[in-house]
């Protein structure tokens, strides 16, 4: 009986990890408003070590259309600018000697549609992870019958894992819908 609970808990944990990964991936997609998370993937060379941008500078959102980056060390300006230009963020940094400013341009209709497609792909990847967790759990449950778990317990556990699966699929769909609404809002 404990094995069944452990299998269900492991499956739910895997599904939760997929949801957390999707949330992180969606937060990095630019939606027309300034968001410091779009810079999360950027790494800069700080004295021979690649570190996140937030590890060498203060990153702030002073208004909905811009992000400011204030390096702690003045020698980092060029390195940070180069890292931003080389990144997939697609925004040209402006340097005034004190701070680096990123102006967030308004999204075109075409770009909005591209971003919603990208969000849909990310969500589909997360759904595949959730389905895989369900499938693996069901396979392990079927094997557990051979190890002495009663069939009715196994069937009940299969229903439980299906309910958990459905809950996470709904959660992923809600996350996608919220992000698409954020992207399409002008």
C-alpha atoms as a PDB file:
ATOM      1  CA  UNK A   1       0.000   0.000   0.000  1.00  0.00           C
ATOM      2  CA  UNK A   2       2.838   2.402   0.827  1.00  0.00           C
ATOM      3  CA  UNK A   3       4.361   1.712  -2.583  1.00  0.00           C
ATOM      4  CA  UNK A   4       1.166   2.903  -4.277  1.00  0.00           C
ATOM      5  CA  UNK A   5       1.180   6.157  -2.292  1.00  0.00           C
ATOM      6  CA  UNK A   6       4.868   6.637  -3.040  1.00  0.00           C
ATOM      7  CA  UNK A   7       4.222   6.121  -6.763  1.00  0.00           C
ATOM      8  CA  UNK A   8       1.369   8.638  -6.733  1.00  0.00           C
ATOM      9  CA  UNK A   9       3.469  11.168  -4.792  1.00  0.00           C
ATOM     10  CA  UNK A  10       6.404  10.723  -7.182  1.00  0.00           C
ATOM     11  CA  UNK A  11       4.116  11.217 -10.208  1.00  0.00           C
ATOM     12  CA  UNK A  12       2.566  14.336  -8.684  1.00  0.00           C
ATOM     13  CA  UNK A  13       6.030  15.694  -7.859  1.00  0.00           C
ATOM     14  CA  UNK A  14       7.125  15.174 -11.485  1.00  0.00           C
ATOM     15  CA  UNK A  15       3.985  16.959 -12.694  1.00  0.00           C
ATOM     16  CA  UNK A  16       4.609  19.850 -10.288  1.00  0.00           C
ATOM     17  CA  UNK A  17       8.176  20.150 -11.593  1.00  0.00           C
ATOM     18  CA  UNK A  18       6.820  20.386 -15.158  1.00  0.00           C
ATOM     19  CA  UNK A  19       4.430  23.151 -14.063  1.00  0.00           C
ATOM     20  CA  UNK A  20       7.234  25.046 -12.295  1.00  0.00           C
ATOM     21  CA  UNK A  21       9.464  24.742 -15.360  1.00  0.00           C
ATOM     22  CA  UNK A  22       6.672  26.082 -17.573  1.00  0.00           C
ATOM     23  CA  UNK A  23       6.090  29.010 -15.221  1.00  0.00           C
ATOM     24  CA  UNK A  24       9.786  29.881 -15.370  1.00  0.00           C
ATOM     25  CA  UNK A  25       9.882  29.525 -19.171  1.00  0.00           C
ATOM     26  CA  UNK A  26       6.813  31.721 -19.646  1.00  0.00           C
ATOM     27  CA  UNK A  27       8.214  34.396 -17.328  1.00  0.00           C
ATOM     28  CA  UNK A  28      11.218  34.767 -19.660  1.00  0.00           C
ATOM     29  CA  UNK A  29       9.044  35.490 -22.683  1.00  0.00           C
ATOM     30  CA  UNK A  30       8.759  39.223 -23.268  1.00  0.00           C
ATOM     31  CA  UNK A  31       5.147  40.401 -23.292  1.00  0.00           C
ATOM     32  CA  UNK A  32       5.512  44.090 -24.144  1.00  0.00           C
ATOM     33  CA  UNK A  33       5.923  45.165 -20.529  1.00  0.00           C
ATOM     34  CA  UNK A  34       9.241  45.504 -18.756  1.00  0.00           C
ATOM     35  CA  UNK A  35      10.048  42.403 -16.731  1.00  0.00           C
ATOM     36  CA  UNK A  36      13.443  41.662 -15.161  1.00  0.00           C
ATOM     37  CA  UNK A  37      12.936  37.924 -15.810  1.00  0.00           C
ATOM     38  CA  UNK A  38      13.623  38.376 -19.533  1.00  0.00           C
ATOM     39  CA  UNK A  39      17.261  38.912 -18.505  1.00  0.00           C
ATOM     40  CA  UNK A  40      17.476  35.766 -16.336  1.00  0.00           C
ATOM     41  CA  UNK A  41      19.215  33.713 -19.011  1.00  0.00           C
ATOM     42  CA  UNK A  42      21.964  36.267 -19.628  1.00  0.00           C
ATOM     43  CA  UNK A  43      25.390  35.412 -18.230  1.00  0.00           C
ATOM     44  CA  UNK A  44      28.343  37.798 -18.172  1.00  0.00           C
ATOM     45  CA  UNK A  45      32.080  37.212 -17.798  1.00  0.00           C
ATOM     46  CA  UNK A  46      33.062  38.595 -14.397  1.00  0.00           C
ATOM     47  CA  UNK A  47      36.769  38.157 -13.725  1.00  0.00           C
ATOM     48  CA  UNK A  48      36.928  34.877 -15.650  1.00  0.00           C
ATOM     49  CA  UNK A  49      33.694  33.389 -14.298  1.00  0.00           C
ATOM     50  CA  UNK A  50      30.337  33.332 -16.081  1.00  0.00           C
ATOM     51  CA  UNK A  51      27.747  34.720 -13.653  1.00  0.00           C
ATOM     52  CA  UNK A  52      24.102  35.800 -14.007  1.00  0.00           C
ATOM     53  CA  UNK A  53      23.542  39.462 -14.846  1.00  0.00           C
ATOM     54  CA  UNK A  54      21.932  39.985 -11.439  1.00  0.00           C
ATOM     55  CA  UNK A  55      25.238  38.874  -9.865  1.00  0.00           C
ATOM     56  CA  UNK A  56      27.157  41.909 -11.180  1.00  0.00           C
ATOM     57  CA  UNK A  57      24.517  44.634 -11.340  1.00  0.00           C
ATOM     58  CA  UNK A  58      21.281  45.936  -9.904  1.00  0.00           C
ATOM     59  CA  UNK A  59      18.417  45.294 -12.328  1.00  0.00           C
ATOM     60  CA  UNK A  60      15.286  47.439 -11.874  1.00  0.00           C
ATOM     61  CA  UNK A  61      12.061  48.316 -13.686  1.00  0.00           C
ATOM     62  CA  UNK A  62      11.550  52.074 -13.229  1.00  0.00           C
ATOM     63  CA  UNK A  63       8.501  52.153 -15.525  1.00  0.00           C
ATOM     64  CA  UNK A  64       6.497  49.685 -17.669  1.00  0.00           C
ATOM     65  CA  UNK A  65       8.542  50.441 -20.794  1.00  0.00           C
ATOM     66  CA  UNK A  66      12.136  50.215 -19.555  1.00  0.00           C
ATOM     67  CA  UNK A  67      14.635  48.209 -17.539  1.00  0.00           C
ATOM     68  CA  UNK A  68      17.698  49.783 -15.948  1.00  0.00           C
ATOM     69  CA  UNK A  69      20.902  47.940 -15.147  1.00  0.00           C
ATOM     70  CA  UNK A  70      23.380  49.591 -12.800  1.00  0.00           C
ATOM     71  CA  UNK A  71      26.666  47.654 -12.705  1.00  0.00           C
ATOM     72  CA  UNK A  72      28.436  47.556  -9.345  1.00  0.00           C
ATOM     73  CA  UNK A  73      31.787  47.825 -11.120  1.00  0.00           C
ATOM     74  CA  UNK A  74      32.195  50.469 -13.855  1.00  0.00           C
ATOM     75  CA  UNK A  75      34.449  48.130 -15.856  1.00  0.00           C
ATOM     76  CA  UNK A  76      31.467  45.820 -16.436  1.00  0.00           C
ATOM     77  CA  UNK A  77      29.545  48.227 -18.735  1.00  0.00           C
ATOM     78  CA  UNK A  78      31.003  46.886 -22.010  1.00  0.00           C
ATOM     79  CA  UNK A  79      30.753  43.246 -20.908  1.00  0.00           C
ATOM     80  CA  UNK A  80      27.087  43.630 -19.888  1.00  0.00           C
ATOM     81  CA  UNK A  81      26.204  45.479 -23.094  1.00  0.00           C
ATOM     82  CA  UNK A  82      27.866  42.794 -25.213  1.00  0.00           C
ATOM     83  CA  UNK A  83      26.066  40.007 -23.317  1.00  0.00           C
ATOM     84  CA  UNK A  84      22.690  41.721 -23.877  1.00  0.00           C
ATOM     85  CA  UNK A  85      23.382  42.312 -27.580  1.00  0.00           C
ATOM     86  CA  UNK A  86      24.471  38.666 -28.041  1.00  0.00           C
ATOM     87  CA  UNK A  87      21.424  37.320 -26.159  1.00  0.00           C
ATOM     88  CA  UNK A  88      18.074  36.393 -27.754  1.00  0.00           C
ATOM     89  CA  UNK A  89      16.346  39.255 -25.864  1.00  0.00           C
ATOM     90  CA  UNK A  90      16.404  41.397 -29.013  1.00  0.00           C
ATOM     91  CA  UNK A  91      16.714  44.814 -27.339  1.00  0.00           C
ATOM     92  CA  UNK A  92      19.558  47.250 -27.966  1.00  0.00           C
ATOM     93  CA  UNK A  93      21.013  48.630 -24.701  1.00  0.00           C
ATOM     94  CA  UNK A  94      21.623  52.361 -24.197  1.00  0.00           C
ATOM     95  CA  UNK A  95      24.552  53.355 -21.972  1.00  0.00           C
ATOM     96  CA  UNK A  96      24.781  56.820 -20.428  1.00  0.00           C
ATOM     97  CA  UNK A  97      27.857  56.096 -18.287  1.00  0.00           C
ATOM     98  CA  UNK A  98      25.837  55.624 -15.102  1.00  0.00           C
ATOM     99  CA  UNK A  99      23.237  53.008 -16.043  1.00  0.00           C
ATOM    100  CA  UNK A 100      22.396  50.778 -18.978  1.00  0.00           C
ATOM    101  CA  UNK A 101      18.819  51.314 -20.111  1.00  0.00           C
ATOM    102  CA  UNK A 102      16.762  48.841 -22.111  1.00  0.00           C
ATOM    103  CA  UNK A 103      13.763  50.416 -23.792  1.00  0.00           C
ATOM    104  CA  UNK A 104      11.018  47.819 -24.199  1.00  0.00           C
ATOM    105  CA  UNK A 105       9.372  48.469 -27.562  1.00  0.00           C
ATOM    106  CA  UNK A 106       5.667  47.901 -28.075  1.00  0.00           C
ATOM    107  CA  UNK A 107       5.029  44.566 -29.745  1.00  0.00           C
ATOM    108  CA  UNK A 108       3.694  44.384 -33.286  1.00  0.00           C
ATOM    109  CA  UNK A 109       0.706  42.155 -34.003  1.00  0.00           C
ATOM    110  CA  UNK A 110       2.962  39.738 -35.884  1.00  0.00           C
ATOM    111  CA  UNK A 111       5.414  39.524 -32.969  1.00  0.00           C
ATOM    112  CA  UNK A 112       2.549  38.958 -30.534  1.00  0.00           C
ATOM    113  CA  UNK A 113       1.386  35.988 -32.612  1.00  0.00           C
ATOM    114  CA  UNK A 114       4.939  34.578 -32.691  1.00  0.00           C
ATOM    115  CA  UNK A 115       5.159  34.883 -28.903  1.00  0.00           C
ATOM    116  CA  UNK A 116       1.815  33.123 -28.387  1.00  0.00           C
ATOM    117  CA  UNK A 117       3.060  30.280 -30.611  1.00  0.00           C
ATOM    118  CA  UNK A 118       6.251  30.101 -28.550  1.00  0.00           C
ATOM    119  CA  UNK A 119       4.176  29.963 -25.354  1.00  0.00           C
ATOM    120  CA  UNK A 120       2.032  27.198 -26.838  1.00  0.00           C
ATOM    121  CA  UNK A 121       5.141  25.154 -27.678  1.00  0.00           C
ATOM    122  CA  UNK A 122       6.482  25.580 -24.143  1.00  0.00           C
ATOM    123  CA  UNK A 123       3.119  24.528 -22.713  1.00  0.00           C
ATOM    124  CA  UNK A 124       2.928  21.484 -24.979  1.00  0.00           C
ATOM    125  CA  UNK A 125       6.390  20.411 -23.805  1.00  0.00           C
ATOM    126  CA  UNK A 126       5.207  20.686 -20.193  1.00  0.00           C
ATOM    127  CA  UNK A 127       2.043  18.705 -21.003  1.00  0.00           C
ATOM    128  CA  UNK A 128       4.172  15.953 -22.533  1.00  0.00           C
ATOM    129  CA  UNK A 129       6.165  15.801 -19.279  1.00  0.00           C
ATOM    130  CA  UNK A 130       2.937  15.522 -17.284  1.00  0.00           C
ATOM    131  CA  UNK A 131       1.639  12.757 -19.572  1.00  0.00           C
ATOM    132  CA  UNK A 132       4.947  10.907 -19.305  1.00  0.00           C
ATOM    133  CA  UNK A 133       4.781  11.076 -15.505  1.00  0.00           C
ATOM    134  CA  UNK A 134       1.246   9.625 -15.644  1.00  0.00           C
ATOM    135  CA  UNK A 135       2.283   6.869 -18.068  1.00  0.00           C
ATOM    136  CA  UNK A 136       5.329   5.898 -15.981  1.00  0.00           C
ATOM    137  CA  UNK A 137       3.230   5.780 -12.825  1.00  0.00           C
ATOM    138  CA  UNK A 138       0.590   3.567 -14.473  1.00  0.00           C
ATOM    139  CA  UNK A 139       3.296   1.205 -15.781  1.00  0.00           C
ATOM    140  CA  UNK A 140       4.782   0.917 -12.288  1.00  0.00           C
ATOM    141  CA  UNK A 141       1.311   0.324 -10.829  1.00  0.00           C
ATOM    142  CA  UNK A 142       0.708  -2.529 -13.286  1.00  0.00           C
ATOM    143  CA  UNK A 143       4.058  -4.050 -12.312  1.00  0.00           C
ATOM    144  CA  UNK A 144       3.119  -3.734  -8.636  1.00  0.00           C
ATOM    145  CA  UNK A 145       0.168  -6.101  -9.192  1.00  0.00           C
ATOM    146  CA  UNK A 146       2.728  -8.816  -9.948  1.00  0.00           C
ATOM    147  CA  UNK A 147       4.373  -8.004  -6.615  1.00  0.00           C
ATOM    148  CA  UNK A 148       1.187  -8.626  -4.639  1.00  0.00           C
ATOM    149  CA  UNK A 149      -0.783  -5.356  -4.799  1.00  0.00           C
ATOM    150  CA  UNK A 150      -4.513  -6.144  -5.226  1.00  0.00           C
ATOM    151  CA  UNK A 151      -5.958  -5.251  -8.643  1.00  0.00           C
ATOM    152  CA  UNK A 152      -8.722  -3.060  -7.194  1.00  0.00           C
ATOM    153  CA  UNK A 153      -6.103  -0.979  -5.336  1.00  0.00           C
ATOM    154  CA  UNK A 154      -4.148  -0.652  -8.580  1.00  0.00           C
ATOM    155  CA  UNK A 155      -7.277   0.470 -10.487  1.00  0.00           C
ATOM    156  CA  UNK A 156      -8.107   3.039  -7.781  1.00  0.00           C
ATOM    157  CA  UNK A 157      -4.531   4.323  -7.963  1.00  0.00           C
ATOM    158  CA  UNK A 158      -4.806   4.594 -11.764  1.00  0.00           C
ATOM    159  CA  UNK A 159      -7.943   6.709 -11.333  1.00  0.00           C
ATOM    160  CA  UNK A 160      -6.118   8.872  -8.787  1.00  0.00           C
ATOM    161  CA  UNK A 161      -3.160   9.422 -11.082  1.00  0.00           C
ATOM    162  CA  UNK A 162      -5.576  10.351 -13.880  1.00  0.00           C
ATOM    163  CA  UNK A 163      -7.237  12.938 -11.618  1.00  0.00           C
ATOM    164  CA  UNK A 164      -3.839  14.378 -10.685  1.00  0.00           C
ATOM    165  CA  UNK A 165      -2.944  14.455 -14.405  1.00  0.00           C
ATOM    166  CA  UNK A 166      -6.176  16.288 -15.265  1.00  0.00           C
ATOM    167  CA  UNK A 167      -5.560  18.828 -12.485  1.00  0.00           C
ATOM    168  CA  UNK A 168      -2.082  19.649 -13.813  1.00  0.00           C
ATOM    169  CA  UNK A 169      -3.206  19.827 -17.445  1.00  0.00           C
ATOM    170  CA  UNK A 170      -5.853  22.380 -16.368  1.00  0.00           C
ATOM    171  CA  UNK A 171      -3.194  24.291 -14.425  1.00  0.00           C
ATOM    172  CA  UNK A 172      -0.888  24.391 -17.480  1.00  0.00           C
ATOM    173  CA  UNK A 173      -3.749  25.531 -19.718  1.00  0.00           C
ATOM    174  CA  UNK A 174      -4.606  28.306 -17.245  1.00  0.00           C
ATOM    175  CA  UNK A 175      -0.962  29.446 -17.205  1.00  0.00           C
ATOM    176  CA  UNK A 176      -0.901  29.523 -21.017  1.00  0.00           C
ATOM    177  CA  UNK A 177      -4.180  31.432 -21.179  1.00  0.00           C
ATOM    178  CA  UNK A 178      -2.939  34.031 -18.681  1.00  0.00           C
ATOM    179  CA  UNK A 179       0.331  34.525 -20.579  1.00  0.00           C
ATOM    180  CA  UNK A 180      -1.447  34.784 -23.936  1.00  0.00           C
ATOM    181  CA  UNK A 181      -3.809  37.375 -22.456  1.00  0.00           C
ATOM    182  CA  UNK A 182      -0.789  39.321 -21.145  1.00  0.00           C
ATOM    183  CA  UNK A 183       0.885  39.173 -24.578  1.00  0.00           C
ATOM    184  CA  UNK A 184      -2.206  40.182 -26.548  1.00  0.00           C
ATOM    185  CA  UNK A 185      -3.067  43.095 -24.243  1.00  0.00           C
ATOM    186  CA  UNK A 186      -1.950  46.257 -26.033  1.00  0.00           C
END
